[in-house]
Amino acid sequence: MASLSSFLLATAVAALLVIGSYATELTFKVGPGSSTTSLNLITNVAISEVEVKEKGAGDWTGLKESSANTWTLKTGAKLKGPFSVRFLVKNGGYRVVDDVIPEAFKVGSVYKSGIQLK
């Protein structure tokens, strides 16, 4: 009986490893042209309806998709980080990552969301 339990456990672990291997952690790269009044985010996974919330803000601000996986926010005012990001996953559901982009972001920096997507 112990060998059957061990076999089932090993099979379940192997299945989880295979399933997990298809998931990728969503990252946000701060793209060229980002500044104190503009934020360009490049994602490594296809997502949609990207919005950010600045520190202390009550509302979310939508970003425009300027090219594949590149999202842009241009304002006339100085942006105030850290920024939380809310987005729609293409296979369903909204997700929020709080304070993922720091106030002192740098162009070229990559920030991990902690969210695994397929």
PDB file of N, CA and C in Angstrom:
ATOM      1  N   MET A   1       0.818  -1.197   0.000  1.00  0.00           N
ATOM      2  CA  MET A   1       0.000   0.000   0.000  1.00  0.00           C
ATOM      3  C   MET A   1       0.860   1.259   0.000  1.00  0.00           C
ATOM      4  N   ALA A   2       1.981   1.216   0.723  1.00  0.00           N
ATOM      5  CA  ALA A   2       2.864   2.378   0.772  1.00  0.00           C
ATOM      6  C   ALA A   2       3.417   2.703  -0.604  1.00  0.00           C
ATOM      7  N   SER A   3       3.685   1.686  -1.399  1.00  0.00           N
ATOM      8  CA  SER A   3       4.234   1.946  -2.724  1.00  0.00           C
ATOM      9  C   SER A   3       3.199   2.605  -3.627  1.00  0.00           C
ATOM     10  N   LEU A   4       1.924   2.266  -3.478  1.00  0.00           N
ATOM     11  CA  LEU A   4       0.870   2.910  -4.254  1.00  0.00           C
ATOM     12  C   LEU A   4       0.741   4.378  -3.847  1.00  0.00           C
ATOM     13  N   SER A   5       0.792   4.655  -2.549  1.00  0.00           N
ATOM     14  CA  SER A   5       0.731   6.038  -2.069  1.00  0.00           C
ATOM     15  C   SER A   5       1.921   6.840  -2.577  1.00  0.00           C
ATOM     16  N   SER A   6       3.091   6.257  -2.549  1.00  0.00           N
ATOM     17  CA  SER A   6       4.298   6.933  -3.045  1.00  0.00           C
ATOM     18  C   SER A   6       4.182   7.207  -4.530  1.00  0.00           C
ATOM     19  N   PHE A   7       3.658   6.232  -5.276  1.00  0.00           N
ATOM     20  CA  PHE A   7       3.482   6.399  -6.715  1.00  0.00           C
ATOM     21  C   PHE A   7       2.503   7.534  -7.008  1.00  0.00           C
ATOM     22  N   LEU A   8       1.378   7.564  -6.293  1.00  0.00           N
ATOM     23  CA  LEU A   8       0.388   8.621  -6.512  1.00  0.00           C
ATOM     24  C   LEU A   8       0.946   9.994  -6.157  1.00  0.00           C
ATOM     25  N   LEU A   9       1.697  10.052  -5.068  1.00  0.00           N
ATOM     26  CA  LEU A   9       2.319  11.319  -4.682  1.00  0.00           C
ATOM     27  C   LEU A   9       3.314  11.777  -5.744  1.00  0.00           C
ATOM     28  N   ALA A  10       4.149  10.866  -6.213  1.00  0.00           N
ATOM     29  CA  ALA A  10       5.135  11.204  -7.239  1.00  0.00           C
ATOM     30  C   ALA A  10       4.454  11.657  -8.524  1.00  0.00           C
ATOM     31  N   THR A  11       3.346  11.008  -8.888  1.00  0.00           N
ATOM     32  CA  THR A  11       2.597  11.384 -10.084  1.00  0.00           C
ATOM     33  C   THR A  11       1.999  12.783  -9.940  1.00  0.00           C
ATOM     34  N   ALA A  12       1.446  13.067  -8.773  1.00  0.00           N
ATOM     35  CA  ALA A  12       0.859  14.392  -8.528  1.00  0.00           C
ATOM     36  C   ALA A  12       1.920  15.476  -8.579  1.00  0.00           C
ATOM     37  N   VAL A  13       3.073  15.232  -7.982  1.00  0.00           N
ATOM     38  CA  VAL A  13       4.170  16.208  -8.010  1.00  0.00           C
ATOM     39  C   VAL A  13       4.645  16.429  -9.436  1.00  0.00           C
ATOM     40  N   ALA A  14       4.799  15.366 -10.202  1.00  0.00           N
ATOM     41  CA  ALA A  14       5.235  15.496 -11.600  1.00  0.00           C
ATOM     42  C   ALA A  14       4.228  16.301 -12.412  1.00  0.00           C
ATOM     43  N   ALA A  15       2.933  16.057 -12.179  1.00  0.00           N
ATOM     44  CA  ALA A  15       1.899  16.806 -12.894  1.00  0.00           C
ATOM     45  C   ALA A  15       1.964  18.291 -12.556  1.00  0.00           C
ATOM     46  N   LEU A  16       2.178  18.616 -11.299  1.00  0.00           N
ATOM     47  CA  LEU A  16       2.299  20.018 -10.895  1.00  0.00           C
ATOM     48  C   LEU A  16       3.519  20.677 -11.530  1.00  0.00           C
ATOM     49  N   LEU A  17       4.606  19.939 -11.626  1.00  0.00           N
ATOM     50  CA  LEU A  17       5.810  20.489 -12.254  1.00  0.00           C
ATOM     51  C   LEU A  17       5.578  20.771 -13.729  1.00  0.00           C
ATOM     52  N   VAL A  18       4.875  19.880 -14.409  1.00  0.00           N
ATOM     53  CA  VAL A  18       4.581  20.081 -15.831  1.00  0.00           C
ATOM     54  C   VAL A  18       3.650  21.267 -16.008  1.00  0.00           C
ATOM     55  N   ILE A  19       2.588  21.338 -15.204  1.00  0.00           N
ATOM     56  CA  ILE A  19       1.646  22.453 -15.290  1.00  0.00           C
ATOM     57  C   ILE A  19       2.355  23.762 -14.971  1.00  0.00           C
ATOM     58  N   GLY A  20       3.157  23.781 -13.929  1.00  0.00           N
ATOM     59  CA  GLY A  20       3.875  24.986 -13.530  1.00  0.00           C
ATOM     60  C   GLY A  20       4.879  25.446 -14.556  1.00  0.00           C
ATOM     61  N   SER A  21       5.400  24.513 -15.347  1.00  0.00           N
ATOM     62  CA  SER A  21       6.409  24.890 -16.328  1.00  0.00           C
ATOM     63  C   SER A  21       5.820  25.727 -17.460  1.00  0.00           C
ATOM     64  N   TYR A  22       4.505  25.692 -17.631  1.00  0.00           N
ATOM     65  CA  TYR A  22       3.869  26.477 -18.681  1.00  0.00           C
ATOM     66  C   TYR A  22       3.509  27.881 -18.215  1.00  0.00           C
ATOM     67  N   ALA A  23       3.589  28.128 -16.940  1.00  0.00           N
ATOM     68  CA  ALA A  23       3.260  29.447 -16.402  1.00  0.00           C
ATOM     69  C   ALA A  23       4.520  30.310 -16.364  1.00  0.00           C
ATOM     70  N   THR A  24       4.332  31.603 -16.539  1.00  0.00           N
ATOM     71  CA  THR A  24       5.419  32.574 -16.514  1.00  0.00           C
ATOM     72  C   THR A  24       5.042  33.688 -15.559  1.00  0.00           C
ATOM     73  N   GLU A  25       6.007  34.143 -14.779  1.00  0.00           N
ATOM     74  CA  GLU A  25       5.721  35.266 -13.890  1.00  0.00           C
ATOM     75  C   GLU A  25       5.635  36.546 -14.710  1.00  0.00           C
ATOM     76  N   LEU A  26       4.532  37.251 -14.556  1.00  0.00           N
ATOM     77  CA  LEU A  26       4.333  38.526 -15.235  1.00  0.00           C
ATOM     78  C   LEU A  26       5.332  39.550 -14.701  1.00  0.00           C
ATOM     79  N   THR A  27       6.014  40.225 -15.611  1.00  0.00           N
ATOM     80  CA  THR A  27       6.922  41.302 -15.222  1.00  0.00           C
ATOM     81  C   THR A  27       6.534  42.581 -15.957  1.00  0.00           C
ATOM     82  N   PHE A  28       6.910  43.697 -15.343  1.00  0.00           N
ATOM     83  CA  PHE A  28       6.710  45.017 -15.936  1.00  0.00           C
ATOM     84  C   PHE A  28       8.080  45.650 -16.120  1.00  0.00           C
ATOM     85  N   LYS A  29       8.427  45.952 -17.360  1.00  0.00           N
ATOM     86  CA  LYS A  29       9.681  46.648 -17.651  1.00  0.00           C
ATOM     87  C   LYS A  29       9.346  48.097 -17.950  1.00  0.00           C
ATOM     88  N   VAL A  30      10.072  49.011 -17.322  1.00  0.00           N
ATOM     89  CA  VAL A  30       9.867  50.432 -17.593  1.00  0.00           C
ATOM     90  C   VAL A  30      10.571  50.750 -18.906  1.00  0.00           C
ATOM     91  N   GLY A  31       9.781  51.140 -19.898  1.00  0.00           N
ATOM     92  CA  GLY A  31      10.297  51.328 -21.243  1.00  0.00           C
ATOM     93  C   GLY A  31      10.862  52.708 -21.517  1.00  0.00           C
ATOM     94  N   PRO A  32      11.559  52.825 -22.657  1.00  0.00           N
ATOM     95  CA  PRO A  32      12.117  54.105 -23.093  1.00  0.00           C
ATOM     96  C   PRO A  32      11.028  55.168 -23.181  1.00  0.00           C
ATOM     97  N   GLY A  33      11.379  56.391 -22.857  1.00  0.00           N
ATOM     98  CA  GLY A  33      10.430  57.500 -22.897  1.00  0.00           C
ATOM     99  C   GLY A  33       9.735  57.741 -21.567  1.00  0.00           C
ATOM    100  N   SER A  34       9.937  56.840 -20.610  1.00  0.00           N
ATOM    101  CA  SER A  34       9.346  57.048 -19.283  1.00  0.00           C
ATOM    102  C   SER A  34      10.054  58.195 -18.594  1.00  0.00           C
ATOM    103  N   SER A  35       9.272  58.992 -17.869  1.00  0.00           N
ATOM    104  CA  SER A  35       9.836  60.156 -17.181  1.00  0.00           C
ATOM    105  C   SER A  35       8.941  60.488 -15.994  1.00  0.00           C
ATOM    106  N   THR A  36       9.102  61.652 -15.441  1.00  0.00           N
ATOM    107  CA  THR A  36       8.266  62.056 -14.306  1.00  0.00           C
ATOM    108  C   THR A  36       6.812  62.313 -14.725  1.00  0.00           C
ATOM    109  N   THR A  37       6.552  62.480 -16.044  1.00  0.00           N
ATOM    110  CA  THR A  37       5.189  62.727 -16.528  1.00  0.00           C
ATOM    111  C   THR A  37       4.693  61.666 -17.504  1.00  0.00           C
ATOM    112  N   SER A  38       5.483  60.627 -17.726  1.00  0.00           N
ATOM    113  CA  SER A  38       5.116  59.591 -18.681  1.00  0.00           C
ATOM    114  C   SER A  38       5.618  58.233 -18.186  1.00  0.00           C
ATOM    115  N   LEU A  39       4.783  57.222 -18.348  1.00  0.00           N
ATOM    116  CA  LEU A  39       5.162  55.881 -17.920  1.00  0.00           C
ATOM    117  C   LEU A  39       4.853  54.909 -19.044  1.00  0.00           C
ATOM    118  N   ASN A  40       5.880  54.200 -19.512  1.00  0.00           N
ATOM    119  CA  ASN A  40       5.728  53.166 -20.531  1.00  0.00           C
ATOM    120  C   ASN A  40       6.058  51.832 -19.890  1.00  0.00           C
ATOM    121  N   LEU A  41       5.099  50.925 -19.870  1.00  0.00           N
ATOM    122  CA  LEU A  41       5.309  49.604 -19.287  1.00  0.00           C
ATOM    123  C   LEU A  41       5.270  48.556 -20.384  1.00  0.00           C
ATOM    124  N   ILE A  42       6.254  47.681 -20.371  1.00  0.00           N
ATOM    125  CA  ILE A  42       6.336  46.575 -21.322  1.00  0.00           C
ATOM    126  C   ILE A  42       6.170  45.291 -20.514  1.00  0.00           C
ATOM    127  N   THR A  43       5.194  44.478 -20.897  1.00  0.00           N
ATOM    128  CA  THR A  43       4.962  43.227 -20.187  1.00  0.00           C
ATOM    129  C   THR A  43       5.535  42.057 -20.985  1.00  0.00           C
ATOM    130  N   ASN A  44       5.893  41.009 -20.283  1.00  0.00           N
ATOM    131  CA  ASN A  44       6.427  39.818 -20.933  1.00  0.00           C
ATOM    132  C   ASN A  44       5.336  38.800 -21.274  1.00  0.00           C
ATOM    133  N   VAL A  45       4.106  39.078 -20.874  1.00  0.00           N
ATOM    134  CA  VAL A  45       2.959  38.216 -21.114  1.00  0.00           C
ATOM    135  C   VAL A  45       1.817  39.101 -21.615  1.00  0.00           C
ATOM    136  N   ALA A  46       1.020  38.588 -22.533  1.00  0.00           N
ATOM    137  CA  ALA A  46      -0.101  39.366 -23.064  1.00  0.00           C
ATOM    138  C   ALA A  46      -1.173  39.561 -21.991  1.00  0.00           C
ATOM    139  N   ILE A  47      -1.491  40.818 -21.708  1.00  0.00           N
ATOM    140  CA  ILE A  47      -2.564  41.197 -20.792  1.00  0.00           C
ATOM    141  C   ILE A  47      -3.354  42.316 -21.459  1.00  0.00           C
ATOM    142  N   SER A  48      -4.468  42.709 -20.868  1.00  0.00           N
ATOM    143  CA  SER A  48      -5.244  43.798 -21.472  1.00  0.00           C
ATOM    144  C   SER A  48      -5.841  44.681 -20.393  1.00  0.00           C
ATOM    145  N   GLU A  49      -6.357  45.827 -20.833  1.00  0.00           N
ATOM    146  CA  GLU A  49      -6.978  46.819 -19.951  1.00  0.00           C
ATOM    147  C   GLU A  49      -6.096  47.147 -18.752  1.00  0.00           C
ATOM    148  N   VAL A  50      -4.923  47.656 -19.021  1.00  0.00           N
ATOM    149  CA  VAL A  50      -3.966  47.988 -17.962  1.00  0.00           C
ATOM    150  C   VAL A  50      -4.278  49.369 -17.392  1.00  0.00           C
ATOM    151  N   GLU A  51      -4.295  49.439 -16.060  1.00  0.00           N
ATOM    152  CA  GLU A  51      -4.521  50.697 -15.343  1.00  0.00           C
ATOM    153  C   GLU A  51      -3.496  50.796 -14.224  1.00  0.00           C
ATOM    154  N   VAL A  52      -3.161  52.021 -13.845  1.00  0.00           N
ATOM    155  CA  VAL A  52      -2.290  52.230 -12.696  1.00  0.00           C
ATOM    156  C   VAL A  52      -2.979  53.135 -11.696  1.00  0.00           C
ATOM    157  N   LYS A  53      -2.567  52.984 -10.450  1.00  0.00           N
ATOM    158  CA  LYS A  53      -3.038  53.874  -9.396  1.00  0.00           C
ATOM    159  C   LYS A  53      -1.796  54.459  -8.743  1.00  0.00           C
ATOM    160  N   GLU A  54      -1.716  55.788  -8.757  1.00  0.00           N
ATOM    161  CA  GLU A  54      -0.598  56.465  -8.119  1.00  0.00           C
ATOM    162  C   GLU A  54      -0.780  56.461  -6.606  1.00  0.00           C
ATOM    163  N   LYS A  55       0.304  56.670  -5.905  1.00  0.00           N
ATOM    164  CA  LYS A  55       0.259  56.716  -4.445  1.00  0.00           C
ATOM    165  C   LYS A  55      -0.742  57.784  -4.008  1.00  0.00           C
ATOM    166  N   GLY A  56      -1.650  57.393  -3.131  1.00  0.00           N
ATOM    167  CA  GLY A  56      -2.633  58.316  -2.581  1.00  0.00           C
ATOM    168  C   GLY A  56      -3.832  58.589  -3.467  1.00  0.00           C
ATOM    169  N   ALA A  57      -3.832  58.069  -4.690  1.00  0.00           N
ATOM    170  CA  ALA A  57      -4.951  58.317  -5.604  1.00  0.00           C
ATOM    171  C   ALA A  57      -6.140  57.440  -5.248  1.00  0.00           C
ATOM    172  N   GLY A  58      -7.320  57.942  -5.517  1.00  0.00           N
ATOM    173  CA  GLY A  58      -8.527  57.172  -5.265  1.00  0.00           C
ATOM    174  C   GLY A  58      -8.981  56.380  -6.473  1.00  0.00           C
ATOM    175  N   ASP A  59      -8.558  56.817  -7.654  1.00  0.00           N
ATOM    176  CA  ASP A  59      -9.024  56.207  -8.889  1.00  0.00           C
ATOM    177  C   ASP A  59      -7.879  55.592  -9.684  1.00  0.00           C
ATOM    178  N   TRP A  60      -8.249  54.668 -10.541  1.00  0.00           N
ATOM    179  CA  TRP A  60      -7.308  54.047 -11.470  1.00  0.00           C
ATOM    180  C   TRP A  60      -7.264  54.865 -12.755  1.00  0.00           C
ATOM    181  N   THR A  61      -6.097  54.929 -13.392  1.00  0.00           N
ATOM    182  CA  THR A  61      -5.917  55.635 -14.659  1.00  0.00           C
ATOM    183  C   THR A  61      -5.532  54.619 -15.725  1.00  0.00           C
ATOM    184  N   GLY A  62      -6.283  54.611 -16.822  1.00  0.00           N
ATOM    185  CA  GLY A  62      -6.029  53.660 -17.899  1.00  0.00           C
ATOM    186  C   GLY A  62      -4.810  54.017 -18.722  1.00  0.00           C
ATOM    187  N   LEU A  63      -4.090  52.998 -19.153  1.00  0.00           N
ATOM    188  CA  LEU A  63      -2.959  53.166 -20.056  1.00  0.00           C
ATOM    189  C   LEU A  63      -3.408  52.754 -21.454  1.00  0.00           C
ATOM    190  N   LYS A  64      -2.789  53.340 -22.476  1.00  0.00           N
ATOM    191  CA  LYS A  64      -3.101  52.989 -23.862  1.00  0.00           C
ATOM    192  C   LYS A  64      -2.087  51.969 -24.330  1.00  0.00           C
ATOM    193  N   GLU A  65      -2.578  50.967 -25.049  1.00  0.00           N
ATOM    194  CA  GLU A  65      -1.655  49.999 -25.642  1.00  0.00           C
ATOM    195  C   GLU A  65      -1.093  50.632 -26.906  1.00  0.00           C
ATOM    196  N   SER A  66       0.221  50.897 -26.910  1.00  0.00           N
ATOM    197  CA  SER A  66       0.836  51.565 -28.049  1.00  0.00           C
ATOM    198  C   SER A  66       1.422  50.577 -29.052  1.00  0.00           C
ATOM    199  N   SER A  67       1.788  49.413 -28.606  1.00  0.00           N
ATOM    200  CA  SER A  67       2.207  48.304 -29.463  1.00  0.00           C
ATOM    201  C   SER A  67       2.040  47.040 -28.631  1.00  0.00           C
ATOM    202  N   ALA A  68       2.337  45.913 -29.214  1.00  0.00           N
ATOM    203  CA  ALA A  68       2.132  44.647 -28.507  1.00  0.00           C
ATOM    204  C   ALA A  68       2.848  44.649 -27.159  1.00  0.00           C
ATOM    205  N   ASN A  69       2.078  44.429 -26.104  1.00  0.00           N
ATOM    206  CA  ASN A  69       2.586  44.326 -24.735  1.00  0.00           C
ATOM    207  C   ASN A  69       3.263  45.602 -24.227  1.00  0.00           C
ATOM    208  N   THR A  70       2.975  46.742 -24.840  1.00  0.00           N
ATOM    209  CA  THR A  70       3.524  48.020 -24.382  1.00  0.00           C
ATOM    210  C   THR A  70       2.361  48.950 -24.056  1.00  0.00           C
ATOM    211  N   TRP A  71       2.377  49.462 -22.832  1.00  0.00           N
ATOM    212  CA  TRP A  71       1.289  50.284 -22.306  1.00  0.00           C
ATOM    213  C   TRP A  71       1.822  51.643 -21.896  1.00  0.00           C
ATOM    214  N   THR A  72       1.131  52.717 -22.283  1.00  0.00           N
ATOM    215  CA  THR A  72       1.649  54.066 -22.101  1.00  0.00           C
ATOM    216  C   THR A  72       0.656  54.964 -21.362  1.00  0.00           C
ATOM    217  N   LEU A  73       1.208  55.750 -20.437  1.00  0.00           N
ATOM    218  CA  LEU A  73       0.469  56.784 -19.725  1.00  0.00           C
ATOM    219  C   LEU A  73       1.251  58.075 -19.856  1.00  0.00           C
ATOM    220  N   LYS A  74       0.609  59.109 -20.420  1.00  0.00           N
ATOM    221  CA  LYS A  74       1.239  60.432 -20.529  1.00  0.00           C
ATOM    222  C   LYS A  74       0.335  61.419 -19.832  1.00  0.00           C
ATOM    223  N   THR A  75       0.913  62.177 -18.914  1.00  0.00           N
ATOM    224  CA  THR A  75       0.146  63.172 -18.181  1.00  0.00           C
ATOM    225  C   THR A  75       0.851  64.517 -18.266  1.00  0.00           C
ATOM    226  N   GLY A  76       0.149  65.567 -17.932  1.00  0.00           N
ATOM    227  CA  GLY A  76       0.769  66.878 -17.866  1.00  0.00           C
ATOM    228  C   GLY A  76       1.341  67.139 -16.480  1.00  0.00           C
ATOM    229  N   ALA A  77       0.971  66.283 -15.543  1.00  0.00           N
ATOM    230  CA  ALA A  77       1.401  66.461 -14.156  1.00  0.00           C
ATOM    231  C   ALA A  77       2.465  65.427 -13.793  1.00  0.00           C
ATOM    232  N   LYS A  78       3.183  65.717 -12.737  1.00  0.00           N
ATOM    233  CA  LYS A  78       4.205  64.792 -12.262  1.00  0.00           C
ATOM    234  C   LYS A  78       3.532  63.552 -11.675  1.00  0.00           C
ATOM    235  N   LEU A  79       4.014  62.384 -12.081  1.00  0.00           N
ATOM    236  CA  LEU A  79       3.488  61.121 -11.571  1.00  0.00           C
ATOM    237  C   LEU A  79       4.028  60.873 -10.171  1.00  0.00           C
ATOM    238  N   LYS A  80       3.189  60.244  -9.334  1.00  0.00           N
ATOM    239  CA  LYS A  80       3.586  60.003  -7.954  1.00  0.00           C
ATOM    240  C   LYS A  80       3.511  58.504  -7.645  1.00  0.00           C
ATOM    241  N   GLY A  81       4.683  57.896  -7.464  1.00  0.00           N
ATOM    242  CA  GLY A  81       4.743  56.465  -7.138  1.00  0.00           C
ATOM    243  C   GLY A  81       4.806  56.260  -5.644  1.00  0.00           C
ATOM    244  N   PRO A  82       4.806  55.031  -5.215  1.00  0.00           N
ATOM    245  CA  PRO A  82       4.811  53.820  -6.040  1.00  0.00           C
ATOM    246  C   PRO A  82       3.467  53.604  -6.731  1.00  0.00           C
ATOM    247  N   PHE A  83       3.511  52.801  -7.796  1.00  0.00           N
ATOM    248  CA  PHE A  83       2.328  52.565  -8.613  1.00  0.00           C
ATOM    249  C   PHE A  83       1.820  51.142  -8.435  1.00  0.00           C
ATOM    250  N   SER A  84       0.523  51.029  -8.240  1.00  0.00           N
ATOM    251  CA  SER A  84      -0.133  49.730  -8.274  1.00  0.00           C
ATOM    252  C   SER A  84      -0.639  49.545  -9.696  1.00  0.00           C
ATOM    253  N   VAL A  85      -0.702  48.297 -10.150  1.00  0.00           N
ATOM    254  CA  VAL A  85      -1.155  48.008 -11.513  1.00  0.00           C
ATOM    255  C   VAL A  85      -2.336  47.043 -11.438  1.00  0.00           C
ATOM    256  N   ARG A  86      -3.393  47.386 -12.188  1.00  0.00           N
ATOM    257  CA  ARG A  86      -4.560  46.504 -12.328  1.00  0.00           C
ATOM    258  C   ARG A  86      -4.689  46.174 -13.807  1.00  0.00           C
ATOM    259  N   PHE A  87      -4.950  44.912 -14.113  1.00  0.00           N
ATOM    260  CA  PHE A  87      -5.026  44.500 -15.509  1.00  0.00           C
ATOM    261  C   PHE A  87      -5.999  43.340 -15.664  1.00  0.00           C
ATOM    262  N   LEU A  88      -6.426  43.135 -16.894  1.00  0.00           N
ATOM    263  CA  LEU A  88      -7.314  42.044 -17.245  1.00  0.00           C
ATOM    264  C   LEU A  88      -6.480  40.958 -17.901  1.00  0.00           C
ATOM    265  N   VAL A  89      -6.572  39.756 -17.383  1.00  0.00           N
ATOM    266  CA  VAL A  89      -5.872  38.622 -17.966  1.00  0.00           C
ATOM    267  C   VAL A  89      -6.688  38.140 -19.154  1.00  0.00           C
ATOM    268  N   LYS A  90      -6.029  37.852 -20.263  1.00  0.00           N
ATOM    269  CA  LYS A  90      -6.746  37.489 -21.488  1.00  0.00           C
ATOM    270  C   LYS A  90      -7.625  36.256 -21.324  1.00  0.00           C
ATOM    271  N   ASN A  91      -7.277  35.344 -20.408  1.00  0.00           N
ATOM    272  CA  ASN A  91      -8.135  34.172 -20.207  1.00  0.00           C
ATOM    273  C   ASN A  91      -9.124  34.391 -19.068  1.00  0.00           C
ATOM    274  N   GLY A  92      -9.273  35.661 -18.628  1.00  0.00           N
ATOM    275  CA  GLY A  92     -10.337  36.012 -17.690  1.00  0.00           C
ATOM    276  C   GLY A  92      -9.884  36.504 -16.335  1.00  0.00           C
ATOM    277  N   GLY A  93     -10.546  37.546 -15.877  1.00  0.00           N
ATOM    278  CA  GLY A  93     -10.351  38.041 -14.528  1.00  0.00           C
ATOM    279  C   GLY A  93      -9.370  39.191 -14.401  1.00  0.00           C
ATOM    280  N   TYR A  94      -9.715  40.098 -13.492  1.00  0.00           N
ATOM    281  CA  TYR A  94      -8.828  41.214 -13.178  1.00  0.00           C
ATOM    282  C   TYR A  94      -7.863  40.797 -12.078  1.00  0.00           C
ATOM    283  N   ARG A  95      -6.669  41.326 -12.147  1.00  0.00           N
ATOM    284  CA  ARG A  95      -5.661  41.108 -11.110  1.00  0.00           C
ATOM    285  C   ARG A  95      -5.086  42.465 -10.724  1.00  0.00           C
ATOM    286  N   VAL A  96      -4.664  42.581  -9.479  1.00  0.00           N
ATOM    287  CA  VAL A  96      -4.052  43.814  -8.979  1.00  0.00           C
ATOM    288  C   VAL A  96      -2.717  43.464  -8.334  1.00  0.00           C
ATOM    289  N   VAL A  97      -1.716  44.264  -8.653  1.00  0.00           N
ATOM    290  CA  VAL A  97      -0.402  44.132  -8.019  1.00  0.00           C
ATOM    291  C   VAL A  97      -0.123  45.473  -7.344  1.00  0.00           C
ATOM    292  N   ASP A  98      -0.115  45.471  -6.031  1.00  0.00           N
ATOM    293  CA  ASP A  98       0.071  46.706  -5.275  1.00  0.00           C
ATOM    294  C   ASP A  98       1.529  47.136  -5.240  1.00  0.00           C
ATOM    295  N   ASP A  99       1.744  48.435  -5.450  1.00  0.00           N
ATOM    296  CA  ASP A  99       3.059  49.075  -5.309  1.00  0.00           C
ATOM    297  C   ASP A  99       4.179  48.337  -6.046  1.00  0.00           C
ATOM    298  N   VAL A 100       3.907  47.870  -7.262  1.00  0.00           N
ATOM    299  CA  VAL A 100       4.887  47.084  -8.017  1.00  0.00           C
ATOM    300  C   VAL A 100       5.951  47.959  -8.691  1.00  0.00           C
ATOM    301  N   ILE A 101       5.595  49.186  -9.072  1.00  0.00           N
ATOM    302  CA  ILE A 101       6.554  50.101  -9.699  1.00  0.00           C
ATOM    303  C   ILE A 101       6.909  51.163  -8.661  1.00  0.00           C
ATOM    304  N   PRO A 102       8.170  51.233  -8.252  1.00  0.00           N
ATOM    305  CA  PRO A 102       8.540  52.197  -7.203  1.00  0.00           C
ATOM    306  C   PRO A 102       8.529  53.638  -7.703  1.00  0.00           C
ATOM    307  N   GLU A 103       8.501  54.558  -6.768  1.00  0.00           N
ATOM    308  CA  GLU A 103       8.510  55.980  -7.117  1.00  0.00           C
ATOM    309  C   GLU A 103       9.757  56.347  -7.913  1.00  0.00           C
ATOM    310  N   ALA A 104      10.887  55.806  -7.527  1.00  0.00           N
ATOM    311  CA  ALA A 104      12.161  56.129  -8.192  1.00  0.00           C
ATOM    312  C   ALA A 104      12.483  55.089  -9.268  1.00  0.00           C
ATOM    313  N   PHE A 105      11.502  54.803 -10.145  1.00  0.00           N
ATOM    314  CA  PHE A 105      11.740  53.808 -11.200  1.00  0.00           C
ATOM    315  C   PHE A 105      12.804  54.316 -12.168  1.00  0.00           C
ATOM    316  N   LYS A 106      13.458  53.367 -12.820  1.00  0.00           N
ATOM    317  CA  LYS A 106      14.476  53.698 -13.820  1.00  0.00           C
ATOM    318  C   LYS A 106      14.118  53.005 -15.130  1.00  0.00           C
ATOM    319  N   VAL A 107      14.330  53.701 -16.235  1.00  0.00           N
ATOM    320  CA  VAL A 107      14.093  53.116 -17.548  1.00  0.00           C
ATOM    321  C   VAL A 107      14.965  51.872 -17.675  1.00  0.00           C
ATOM    322  N   GLY A 108      14.360  50.801 -18.139  1.00  0.00           N
ATOM    323  CA  GLY A 108      15.069  49.535 -18.311  1.00  0.00           C
ATOM    324  C   GLY A 108      14.920  48.586 -17.133  1.00  0.00           C
ATOM    325  N   SER A 109      14.441  49.088 -16.000  1.00  0.00           N
ATOM    326  CA  SER A 109      14.261  48.231 -14.826  1.00  0.00           C
ATOM    327  C   SER A 109      13.075  47.306 -15.036  1.00  0.00           C
ATOM    328  N   VAL A 110      13.197  46.088 -14.486  1.00  0.00           N
ATOM    329  CA  VAL A 110      12.137  45.092 -14.582  1.00  0.00           C
ATOM    330  C   VAL A 110      11.641  44.806 -13.176  1.00  0.00           C
ATOM    331  N   TYR A 111      10.317  44.855 -13.018  1.00  0.00           N
ATOM    332  CA  TYR A 111       9.700  44.628 -11.725  1.00  0.00           C
ATOM    333  C   TYR A 111       8.796  43.405 -11.801  1.00  0.00           C
ATOM    334  N   LYS A 112       8.975  42.481 -10.872  1.00  0.00           N
ATOM    335  CA  LYS A 112       8.225  41.229 -10.861  1.00  0.00           C
ATOM    336  C   LYS A 112       6.894  41.421 -10.139  1.00  0.00           C
ATOM    337  N   SER A 113       5.858  40.800 -10.700  1.00  0.00           N
ATOM    338  CA  SER A 113       4.513  40.931 -10.141  1.00  0.00           C
ATOM    339  C   SER A 113       4.210  39.888  -9.063  1.00  0.00           C
ATOM    340  N   GLY A 114       4.883  38.750  -9.130  1.00  0.00           N
ATOM    341  CA  GLY A 114       4.545  37.652  -8.242  1.00  0.00           C
ATOM    342  C   GLY A 114       3.352  36.849  -8.732  1.00  0.00           C
ATOM    343  N   ILE A 115       2.828  37.173  -9.922  1.00  0.00           N
ATOM    344  CA  ILE A 115       1.664  36.489 -10.481  1.00  0.00           C
ATOM    345  C   ILE A 115       2.111  35.624 -11.655  1.00  0.00           C
ATOM    346  N   GLN A 116       1.752  34.361 -11.587  1.00  0.00           N
ATOM    347  CA  GLN A 116       2.068  33.410 -12.652  1.00  0.00           C
ATOM    348  C   GLN A 116       0.920  33.380 -13.666  1.00  0.00           C
ATOM    349  N   LEU A 117       1.244  33.570 -14.950  1.00  0.00           N
ATOM    350  CA  LEU A 117       0.248  33.547 -16.016  1.00  0.00           C
ATOM    351  C   LEU A 117       0.681  32.579 -17.102  1.00  0.00           C
ATOM    352  N   LYS A 118      -0.293  32.073 -17.800  1.00  0.00           N
ATOM    353  CA  LYS A 118      -0.003  31.162 -18.922  1.00  0.00           C
ATOM    354  C   LYS A 118      -0.081  31.896 -20.212  1.00  0.00           C
TER     355      LYS A 118
END
